[in-house]
Amino acid sequence: MRAALPCVLAVALTSPAGAATITVHEPDAQGRIFVDLVGKIEKGDAETFQSKTGKILPTSVGRPRIIVTLVSAGGDTGAAMQIAALIRRHVMSTFVPGDRACTSACALIWLAGLPRTVGDAPQIGFHATYDTKTKNVSGVGNALVGAYLRDLGMSYKAISFMTIKGPSDVNWLTPDVAKDLGINWTTVHPPRTINILQQVKVRAPPPSQIAADWAKSTRSAARSSAPQQLPRVAERVVLYEEDPIDPAGKRLVGPATWRTDAVSPGAGQAPELAVRCDVEIPQRRLAVTMSIRRNRDQALPASHTVEIMFNLAPDFPFGDINNLLGLLTKQVEMARGKPLSGVPFKLTSGSFLVGLSATEKQRNLELLREGAWIDIAIVYGDGRRAIIAVEKGTAGARALNEAFTAWGRDAGVSGDLR
C-alpha cells in the first residue's frame, strides 16, 4: 500500500501503472447503480471518485443503491481510505466479483461497504504497508491503517490479520476466517449482469482451495438468509444537529439495519419476536440500537415499549445524550414528524425507554404502519438538540410486519402491517 503520509507507502502486488479507472454505469433493472473501480489506486483517485459519484447521489434519496465494484491489486493507502470514507458516508455497498482480485489498499476499501458483498469466488487479501524507498514495513502506515480499521469496528485480531504479512506476501480472506474475525459479508442479489473489466494481475494468486471455499459459501449464502449475513440492502439513517455557527445545522448519514430477534419477556415466559434496528453515524462514531417489543409488564400502562441504547465514542464532542424527547414518524425525510403517544424516561446513562400509550394503541400502530421514517428526538449533554431519522424501507417494513403479525396472532387478532 502507498499513502500520502510522512513516508511514501506502496503495494507490492500491483502491476499496471496509472490511476484507477472509475466508471459509473446506468441503473440496472433493479435500480442499482454500479460504480466500478478497476486498476491501481493513485493519488487523486479519491477526488475523481467523489466527483463522479457526487453526480448520482441525488438519485439515491429513497435508500442507498450504489454498489462499488472493486478490482484492484491496491495502491495508495491514503487515497483508498479517502474513498472508503466517502463510501461509508453515503452508505454505499462494496462488491468484489467472482474470480477477481481486491488486495491490499483495495481490500481496505471493501471493508467500508454497507454491506460488503462478493461474487462466487472473490480474491480478497491483506498485507502490511511499506516504504517504497527502503522496502521496509512502515510502522506509521500500519498505525494509520489500524486506526482506520478500529473506526470500522474491527477487532484487534482482525487488525493483526490485515497488517501482519510483509509487503511481498498476503493473507487471503476465506469465509471461515471472515466468520472468525467478525467480518460480515453477503452476496449481490440478483447477480450483477453488467460486464466487468479484465482481472488485474497479482504476483501471488491465492491457492485454489480458497476459491473453492468461497464458491461453496457464496452458493449457500445465495440460498439462505443466515443470521450472520447482513441484509441485502442497508436502509439509511440521517442525523440532524443544531449548529450555533450554521443556521441550517449539520446533516450526517449512516446505515440502518433492521431485523427481528426472539427475546424472552421475562423469567419463565416463552421467547417472542422483537424488532431491532442498529444504526451507525460513522462521522460521529455514534451507534444506536432501537428495540420495539410488545409490553408484557402489567404494571406499565403501555401497549409496546421502544428501548433505545446509545454507544458513544470516548471523545464524543457533545458529552453524552442528556435526554430523549420522544419518537415521531413521517413519510419523507425532510417532513415534520407526527409524534407517537408515549412517555420516554431514562433507564441508565445512554439508555432510554419509551412506553407507547395503551389508550392510543391503534393510532400509534397506524403511524408505525404508514410512516416511512422514525425520528428519535434527543438532547446532547451540552444542550443542543438533534434528530436521528431512521428510514424504515423494505427491511424495516418487513421486520415490523413480521413482529406485529406474530403479536396479533398470539392475541387472536390480525397484526399485519402491509
Protein backbone atom coordinates (compact mmCIF):
# COMPACT_ATOMS: atom_id res chain seq x y z
CA MET A 1 0.00 0.00 0.00
CA ARG A 2 1.10 3.58 -0.54
CA ALA A 3 -0.21 6.75 1.10
CA ALA A 4 0.39 10.48 1.37
CA LEU A 5 1.92 10.09 4.81
CA PRO A 6 5.22 11.13 6.43
CA CYS A 7 6.74 8.36 4.33
CA VAL A 8 5.81 7.00 0.91
CA LEU A 9 3.91 3.71 1.09
CA ALA A 10 3.22 1.31 -1.74
CA VAL A 11 1.62 -2.01 -2.52
CA ALA A 12 3.81 -4.84 -3.70
CA LEU A 13 1.06 -6.73 -5.50
CA THR A 14 0.14 -4.34 -8.30
CA SER A 15 1.36 -4.44 -11.87
CA PRO A 16 -0.24 -1.75 -14.05
CA ALA A 17 0.72 1.90 -13.65
CA GLY A 18 -1.54 4.93 -13.74
CA ALA A 19 -4.70 5.93 -11.95
CA ALA A 20 -7.61 3.57 -11.44
CA THR A 21 -10.42 3.52 -13.99
CA ILE A 22 -13.63 4.70 -12.32
CA THR A 23 -16.82 4.05 -14.27
CA VAL A 24 -20.40 4.92 -13.30
CA HIS A 25 -22.97 2.72 -15.06
CA GLU A 26 -26.59 3.47 -15.82
CA PRO A 27 -29.06 1.99 -13.27
CA ASP A 28 -29.84 -1.67 -13.91
CA ALA A 29 -33.32 -3.24 -13.98
CA GLN A 30 -33.43 -3.21 -10.16
CA GLY A 31 -32.48 0.48 -9.99
CA ARG A 32 -28.98 -0.30 -8.69
CA ILE A 33 -26.11 1.91 -9.80
CA PHE A 34 -22.81 0.07 -10.16
CA VAL A 35 -19.63 2.13 -9.84
CA ASP A 36 -16.51 0.27 -11.00
CA LEU A 37 -13.05 0.99 -9.59
CA VAL A 38 -10.52 -1.02 -11.59
CA GLY A 39 -6.74 -0.82 -11.52
CA LYS A 40 -4.04 0.70 -9.38
CA ILE A 41 -5.25 3.25 -6.82
CA GLU A 42 -3.31 6.51 -7.06
CA LYS A 43 -3.35 9.97 -5.51
CA GLY A 44 -6.23 11.93 -6.99
CA ASP A 45 -8.48 8.89 -7.36
CA ALA A 46 -10.48 9.90 -4.29
CA GLU A 47 -11.27 13.28 -5.87
CA THR A 48 -12.26 11.56 -9.12
CA PHE A 49 -14.43 9.09 -7.22
CA GLN A 50 -16.11 11.91 -5.28
CA SER A 51 -16.75 13.92 -8.44
CA LYS A 52 -18.27 11.03 -10.36
CA THR A 53 -20.39 9.61 -7.54
CA GLY A 54 -21.49 13.10 -6.49
CA LYS A 55 -23.45 13.35 -9.73
CA ILE A 56 -25.57 10.28 -8.91
CA LEU A 57 -26.10 10.73 -5.16
CA PRO A 58 -29.24 12.88 -5.64
CA THR A 59 -30.84 9.94 -7.47
CA SER A 60 -30.47 7.74 -4.38
CA VAL A 61 -32.77 9.64 -1.99
CA GLY A 62 -35.06 6.70 -1.20
CA ARG A 63 -32.30 4.42 0.02
CA PRO A 64 -28.72 3.68 -1.00
CA ARG A 65 -28.46 1.61 -4.17
CA ILE A 66 -24.89 2.43 -5.16
CA ILE A 67 -22.65 -0.65 -5.37
CA VAL A 68 -18.92 -0.02 -5.76
CA THR A 69 -17.28 -2.87 -7.68
CA LEU A 70 -13.60 -3.31 -6.79
CA VAL A 71 -10.98 -4.95 -8.99
CA SER A 72 -7.53 -3.78 -7.91
CA ALA A 73 -4.25 -5.05 -6.50
CA GLY A 74 -4.05 -1.97 -4.29
CA GLY A 75 -2.06 1.24 -4.41
CA ASP A 76 -2.13 4.50 -2.48
CA THR A 77 -3.35 3.87 1.07
CA GLY A 78 -4.32 7.47 1.73
CA ALA A 79 -6.45 7.64 -1.43
CA ALA A 80 -8.01 4.28 -0.59
CA MET A 81 -9.04 5.40 2.90
CA GLN A 82 -10.47 8.62 1.47
CA ILE A 83 -12.57 6.60 -0.97
CA ALA A 84 -13.62 4.33 1.90
CA ALA A 85 -14.75 7.37 3.91
CA LEU A 86 -16.94 8.51 1.00
CA ILE A 87 -18.44 5.04 0.68
CA ARG A 88 -19.19 4.94 4.40
CA ARG A 89 -20.59 8.47 4.50
CA HIS A 90 -23.02 7.86 1.66
CA VAL A 91 -23.93 4.29 2.68
CA MET A 92 -22.68 2.59 -0.46
CA SER A 93 -22.18 -1.14 -0.80
CA THR A 94 -18.89 -2.67 -1.92
CA PHE A 95 -18.55 -5.69 -4.20
CA VAL A 96 -15.64 -7.94 -5.18
CA PRO A 97 -16.74 -10.07 -8.17
CA GLY A 98 -16.01 -13.75 -8.52
CA ASP A 99 -12.57 -14.64 -9.92
CA ARG A 100 -11.38 -11.04 -9.46
CA ALA A 101 -8.72 -9.74 -7.08
CA CYS A 102 -9.06 -6.99 -4.50
CA THR A 103 -5.94 -6.87 -2.37
CA SER A 104 -4.08 -4.55 -0.01
CA ALA A 105 -5.45 -0.99 -0.24
CA CYS A 106 -8.38 -2.24 -2.33
CA ALA A 107 -9.35 -4.68 0.42
CA LEU A 108 -9.39 -1.77 2.88
CA ILE A 109 -11.99 -0.08 0.66
CA TRP A 110 -14.07 -3.27 0.50
CA LEU A 111 -14.28 -3.32 4.30
CA ALA A 112 -16.06 0.07 4.28
CA GLY A 113 -19.06 -1.25 2.34
CA LEU A 114 -22.55 -1.15 3.82
CA PRO A 115 -22.98 -4.00 3.24
CA ARG A 116 -19.87 -5.80 1.94
CA THR A 117 -20.74 -8.15 -0.91
CA VAL A 118 -18.88 -10.73 -3.00
CA GLY A 119 -19.23 -12.85 -6.11
CA ASP A 120 -18.83 -16.61 -6.24
CA ALA A 121 -15.04 -16.83 -5.75
CA PRO A 122 -13.51 -13.47 -4.81
CA GLN A 123 -9.81 -12.98 -4.12
CA ILE A 124 -9.58 -10.63 -1.11
CA GLY A 125 -6.19 -10.24 0.53
CA PHE A 126 -4.37 -8.08 3.07
CA HIS A 127 -0.80 -7.19 3.93
CA ALA A 128 1.23 -4.51 5.66
CA THR A 129 2.11 -1.09 4.29
CA TYR A 130 5.73 -0.42 3.42
CA ASP A 131 8.11 2.36 2.46
CA THR A 132 8.88 2.27 -1.26
CA LYS A 133 12.33 3.73 -0.69
CA THR A 134 13.55 1.30 1.96
CA LYS A 135 11.19 -1.61 1.11
CA ASN A 136 10.61 -1.96 4.86
CA VAL A 137 7.25 -2.27 6.60
CA SER A 138 6.05 1.17 7.71
CA GLY A 139 5.10 1.43 11.37
CA VAL A 140 3.48 4.82 10.77
CA GLY A 141 1.46 3.47 7.86
CA ASN A 142 0.27 0.42 9.75
CA ALA A 143 -0.68 2.61 12.72
CA LEU A 144 -2.88 4.75 10.48
CA VAL A 145 -4.43 1.68 8.87
CA GLY A 146 -5.04 0.21 12.34
CA ALA A 147 -6.83 3.40 13.43
CA TYR A 148 -8.95 3.27 10.27
CA LEU A 149 -9.86 -0.37 10.92
CA ARG A 150 -10.79 0.41 14.54
CA ASP A 151 -13.10 3.14 13.27
CA LEU A 152 -14.79 0.47 11.17
CA GLY A 153 -15.29 -1.60 14.33
CA MET A 154 -12.68 -4.24 13.52
CA SER A 155 -11.29 -6.31 16.38
CA TYR A 156 -7.60 -6.32 17.29
CA LYS A 157 -7.46 -9.88 15.99
CA ALA A 158 -8.81 -8.73 12.62
CA ILE A 159 -6.37 -5.80 12.50
CA SER A 160 -3.47 -8.15 13.17
CA PHE A 161 -4.61 -10.44 10.35
CA MET A 162 -4.81 -7.50 7.95
CA THR A 163 -1.40 -6.00 8.74
CA ILE A 164 0.88 -8.87 9.79
CA LYS A 165 2.04 -10.08 6.37
CA GLY A 166 5.03 -8.43 4.73
CA PRO A 167 4.79 -6.41 1.50
CA SER A 168 5.63 -9.37 -0.72
CA ASP A 169 3.14 -11.72 0.92
CA VAL A 170 -0.61 -11.70 1.51
CA ASN A 171 -3.16 -13.01 3.99
CA TRP A 172 -6.11 -14.28 1.93
CA LEU A 173 -9.57 -13.93 3.39
CA THR A 174 -11.75 -17.05 3.41
CA PRO A 175 -15.35 -17.47 4.61
CA ASP A 176 -14.16 -19.26 7.76
CA VAL A 177 -11.57 -16.58 8.51
CA ALA A 178 -14.18 -13.86 7.92
CA LYS A 179 -16.51 -15.52 10.39
CA ASP A 180 -13.74 -15.91 12.97
CA LEU A 181 -12.75 -12.24 12.62
CA GLY A 182 -16.33 -10.95 12.70
CA ILE A 183 -16.25 -9.66 9.10
CA ASN A 184 -19.81 -9.84 7.78
CA TRP A 185 -20.49 -10.22 4.07
CA THR A 186 -23.29 -11.22 1.76
CA THR A 187 -23.92 -11.77 -1.95
CA VAL A 188 -25.37 -9.42 -4.57
CA HIS A 189 -28.93 -10.43 -5.35
CA PRO A 190 -29.99 -10.57 -8.07
CA PRO A 191 -26.50 -11.04 -9.53
CA ARG A 192 -24.84 -8.27 -11.50
CA THR A 193 -25.26 -8.66 -15.26
CA ILE A 194 -23.12 -5.69 -16.39
CA ASN A 195 -19.74 -6.72 -17.83
CA ILE A 196 -16.70 -6.14 -15.61
CA LEU A 197 -13.26 -5.14 -16.86
CA GLN A 198 -10.48 -7.71 -17.05
CA GLN A 199 -8.85 -9.15 -13.94
CA VAL A 200 -5.76 -7.34 -12.64
CA LYS A 201 -2.53 -9.29 -12.22
CA VAL A 202 -1.23 -10.23 -8.80
CA ARG A 203 2.17 -11.70 -8.08
CA ALA A 204 0.92 -14.44 -5.78
CA PRO A 205 -2.61 -15.62 -6.63
CA PRO A 206 -4.48 -17.42 -3.84
CA PRO A 207 -4.44 -21.21 -3.53
CA SER A 208 -7.21 -22.96 -5.44
CA GLN A 209 -8.75 -24.19 -2.16
CA ILE A 210 -9.60 -20.61 -1.19
CA ALA A 211 -11.64 -20.18 -4.37
CA ALA A 212 -13.41 -23.48 -3.67
CA ASP A 213 -14.25 -22.40 -0.11
CA TRP A 214 -15.70 -19.11 -1.32
CA ALA A 215 -17.70 -20.78 -4.07
CA LYS A 216 -19.28 -23.19 -1.58
CA SER A 217 -20.11 -20.44 0.92
CA THR A 218 -21.49 -17.96 -1.61
CA ARG A 219 -23.78 -20.61 -3.10
CA SER A 220 -25.10 -21.29 0.40
CA ALA A 221 -25.48 -17.56 1.15
CA ALA A 222 -27.47 -17.02 -2.03
CA ARG A 223 -29.95 -19.71 -0.96
CA SER A 224 -30.39 -18.67 2.66
CA SER A 225 -30.67 -15.62 4.87
CA ALA A 226 -28.40 -16.86 7.66
CA PRO A 227 -28.35 -14.63 10.79
CA GLN A 228 -24.65 -13.84 10.35
CA GLN A 229 -25.33 -12.28 6.95
CA LEU A 230 -26.03 -8.57 6.65
CA PRO A 231 -29.30 -7.52 4.99
CA ARG A 232 -29.03 -7.27 1.21
CA VAL A 233 -29.94 -3.58 1.33
CA ALA A 234 -28.95 -1.25 4.14
CA GLU A 235 -31.52 1.43 4.86
CA ARG A 236 -30.48 4.95 5.73
CA VAL A 237 -30.21 6.93 8.95
CA VAL A 238 -29.75 10.69 8.92
CA LEU A 239 -28.53 12.68 11.92
CA TYR A 240 -29.58 16.33 12.07
CA GLU A 241 -27.78 18.50 14.61
CA GLU A 242 -28.18 22.09 15.73
CA ASP A 243 -25.09 24.15 14.95
CA PRO A 244 -24.64 27.60 16.53
CA ILE A 245 -22.45 28.65 13.59
CA ASP A 246 -24.63 27.32 10.76
CA PRO A 247 -28.40 28.05 10.97
CA ALA A 248 -29.02 25.13 8.59
CA GLY A 249 -27.40 22.76 11.08
CA LYS A 250 -25.42 19.66 10.23
CA ARG A 251 -26.60 16.58 8.35
CA LEU A 252 -24.68 13.30 8.69
CA VAL A 253 -25.62 9.99 7.06
CA GLY A 254 -25.11 6.35 8.02
CA PRO A 255 -26.60 2.86 7.63
CA ALA A 256 -29.61 1.34 9.39
CA THR A 257 -30.07 -2.44 9.52
CA TRP A 258 -33.39 -3.97 10.58
CA ARG A 259 -34.15 -7.48 11.77
CA THR A 260 -36.31 -9.47 14.17
CA ASP A 261 -34.97 -11.22 17.26
CA ALA A 262 -36.50 -13.80 19.58
CA VAL A 263 -36.30 -12.38 23.11
CA SER A 264 -37.65 -13.53 26.46
CA PRO A 265 -40.16 -11.08 28.00
CA GLY A 266 -39.32 -12.33 31.49
CA ALA A 267 -38.41 -15.26 33.69
CA GLY A 268 -40.43 -18.35 32.87
CA GLN A 269 -42.02 -16.81 29.77
CA ALA A 270 -41.61 -18.10 26.25
CA PRO A 271 -39.49 -16.03 23.84
CA GLU A 272 -41.32 -13.79 21.38
CA LEU A 273 -40.38 -11.60 18.48
CA ALA A 274 -38.93 -8.13 18.89
CA VAL A 275 -37.92 -5.69 16.18
CA ARG A 276 -34.34 -4.45 16.29
CA CYS A 277 -32.72 -1.68 14.30
CA ASP A 278 -28.98 -0.96 14.53
CA VAL A 279 -27.86 2.40 13.19
CA GLU A 280 -24.45 4.00 12.83
CA ILE A 281 -23.22 7.52 12.14
CA PRO A 282 -19.57 6.91 11.16
CA GLN A 283 -18.55 10.58 11.25
CA ARG A 284 -19.74 10.87 14.86
CA ARG A 285 -18.62 7.34 15.82
CA LEU A 286 -22.15 7.03 17.18
CA ALA A 287 -24.07 3.76 17.26
CA VAL A 288 -27.71 3.36 18.31
CA THR A 289 -29.80 0.26 18.89
CA MET A 290 -33.60 0.57 18.86
CA SER A 291 -35.71 -2.38 20.06
CA ILE A 292 -39.51 -2.46 19.69
CA ARG A 293 -41.33 -5.04 21.82
CA ARG A 294 -44.82 -5.86 22.95
CA ASN A 295 -45.24 -4.88 26.59
CA ARG A 296 -45.92 -7.82 28.90
CA ASP A 297 -45.44 -5.89 32.15
CA GLN A 298 -48.94 -5.21 33.51
CA ALA A 299 -47.57 -2.61 35.90
CA LEU A 300 -46.57 -0.45 32.92
CA PRO A 301 -49.52 1.28 31.15
CA ALA A 302 -48.09 0.74 27.68
CA SER A 303 -49.05 -1.41 24.71
CA HIS A 304 -45.48 -1.59 23.41
CA THR A 305 -42.06 -0.41 24.51
CA VAL A 306 -39.24 1.08 22.49
CA GLU A 307 -35.82 0.76 24.10
CA ILE A 308 -33.06 2.95 22.68
CA MET A 309 -29.43 2.48 23.62
CA PHE A 310 -26.63 4.83 22.58
CA ASN A 311 -23.00 3.77 22.20
CA LEU A 312 -20.77 6.85 22.12
CA ALA A 313 -17.09 7.19 21.36
CA PRO A 314 -14.97 8.26 24.39
CA ASP A 315 -14.27 11.58 22.65
CA PHE A 316 -17.90 12.28 21.64
CA PRO A 317 -17.84 16.08 21.19
CA PHE A 318 -21.14 16.87 22.97
CA GLY A 319 -20.61 14.98 26.22
CA ASP A 320 -23.42 12.46 26.26
CA ILE A 321 -27.11 12.00 25.47
CA ASN A 322 -28.84 14.04 28.16
CA ASN A 323 -32.47 13.42 27.21
CA LEU A 324 -34.76 11.67 24.76
CA LEU A 325 -37.72 13.90 23.89
CA GLY A 326 -39.85 11.40 22.01
CA LEU A 327 -40.49 9.45 18.81
CA LEU A 328 -42.14 10.66 15.61
CA THR A 329 -42.96 9.18 12.22
CA LYS A 330 -43.09 10.80 8.78
CA GLN A 331 -43.48 9.95 5.13
CA VAL A 332 -40.40 11.65 3.68
CA GLU A 333 -37.02 12.56 5.11
CA MET A 334 -37.49 16.34 5.31
CA ALA A 335 -41.11 16.36 6.57
CA ARG A 336 -42.18 17.33 10.08
CA GLY A 337 -42.92 14.16 12.02
CA LYS A 338 -46.11 13.16 13.80
CA PRO A 339 -45.42 12.22 17.44
CA LEU A 340 -46.15 8.76 18.79
CA SER A 341 -48.15 8.89 22.01
CA GLY A 342 -45.88 7.67 24.77
CA VAL A 343 -43.74 8.55 27.75
CA PRO A 344 -39.93 8.45 27.49
CA PHE A 345 -37.75 8.01 30.53
CA LYS A 346 -34.08 7.41 31.17
CA LEU A 347 -33.00 3.94 32.32
CA THR A 348 -29.26 4.47 32.65
CA SER A 349 -26.64 6.67 31.06
CA GLY A 350 -27.11 6.19 27.33
CA SER A 351 -30.24 4.04 27.67
CA PHE A 352 -33.86 5.16 27.37
CA LEU A 353 -37.29 3.52 27.27
CA VAL A 354 -40.43 4.86 25.61
CA GLY A 355 -43.70 3.32 26.76
CA LEU A 356 -46.25 3.66 23.94
CA SER A 357 -49.65 4.64 25.33
CA ALA A 358 -52.08 1.76 25.69
CA THR A 359 -55.04 4.13 25.22
CA GLU A 360 -53.56 5.37 21.92
CA LYS A 361 -52.53 1.92 20.70
CA GLN A 362 -54.37 1.97 17.36
CA ARG A 363 -53.13 5.45 16.49
CA ASN A 364 -49.54 4.50 17.32
CA LEU A 365 -49.72 1.32 15.27
CA GLU A 366 -51.19 3.22 12.35
CA LEU A 367 -48.37 5.75 12.47
CA LEU A 368 -45.80 2.96 12.57
CA ARG A 369 -47.56 1.26 9.66
CA GLU A 370 -47.84 4.36 7.49
CA GLY A 371 -44.60 6.14 8.35
CA ALA A 372 -41.56 5.63 6.13
CA TRP A 373 -39.21 7.18 8.72
CA ILE A 374 -38.96 7.11 12.51
CA ASP A 375 -37.48 10.19 14.18
CA ILE A 376 -35.69 9.95 17.53
CA ALA A 377 -35.56 13.44 19.08
CA ILE A 378 -32.68 13.85 21.55
CA VAL A 379 -30.78 16.48 23.53
CA TYR A 380 -26.99 16.33 23.82
CA GLY A 381 -25.11 16.88 27.04
CA ASP A 382 -24.23 20.44 26.02
CA GLY A 383 -27.89 21.31 25.48
CA ARG A 384 -28.05 21.30 21.70
CA ARG A 385 -30.82 19.28 20.07
CA ALA A 386 -30.61 16.62 17.39
CA ILE A 387 -32.88 14.26 15.46
CA ILE A 388 -31.92 10.76 14.37
CA ALA A 389 -34.15 9.97 11.37
CA VAL A 390 -34.25 6.23 10.66
CA GLU A 391 -35.52 5.03 7.30
CA LYS A 392 -37.86 2.07 7.58
CA GLY A 393 -37.58 0.99 3.96
CA THR A 394 -38.27 -2.53 2.77
CA ALA A 395 -36.25 -4.21 5.53
CA GLY A 396 -37.90 -2.22 8.34
CA ALA A 397 -41.39 -2.72 6.97
CA ARG A 398 -40.74 -6.44 6.68
CA ALA A 399 -39.43 -6.71 10.25
CA LEU A 400 -42.32 -4.69 11.72
CA ASN A 401 -44.86 -6.63 9.70
CA GLU A 402 -43.42 -9.95 10.87
CA ALA A 403 -43.45 -8.92 14.53
CA PHE A 404 -46.88 -7.29 14.55
CA THR A 405 -48.37 -10.27 12.75
CA ALA A 406 -46.87 -12.63 15.35
CA TRP A 407 -48.10 -10.46 18.23
CA GLY A 408 -51.57 -10.22 16.68
CA ARG A 409 -51.68 -13.98 16.16
CA ASP A 410 -50.77 -14.55 19.80
CA ALA A 411 -53.57 -12.20 20.84
CA GLY A 412 -56.06 -13.69 18.42
CA VAL A 413 -56.23 -10.62 16.13
CA SER A 414 -54.59 -9.54 12.89
CA GLY A 415 -51.43 -7.52 13.28
CA ASP A 416 -50.45 -7.33 9.61
CA LEU A 417 -48.72 -4.09 8.75
CA ARG A 418 -48.89 -4.48 4.99
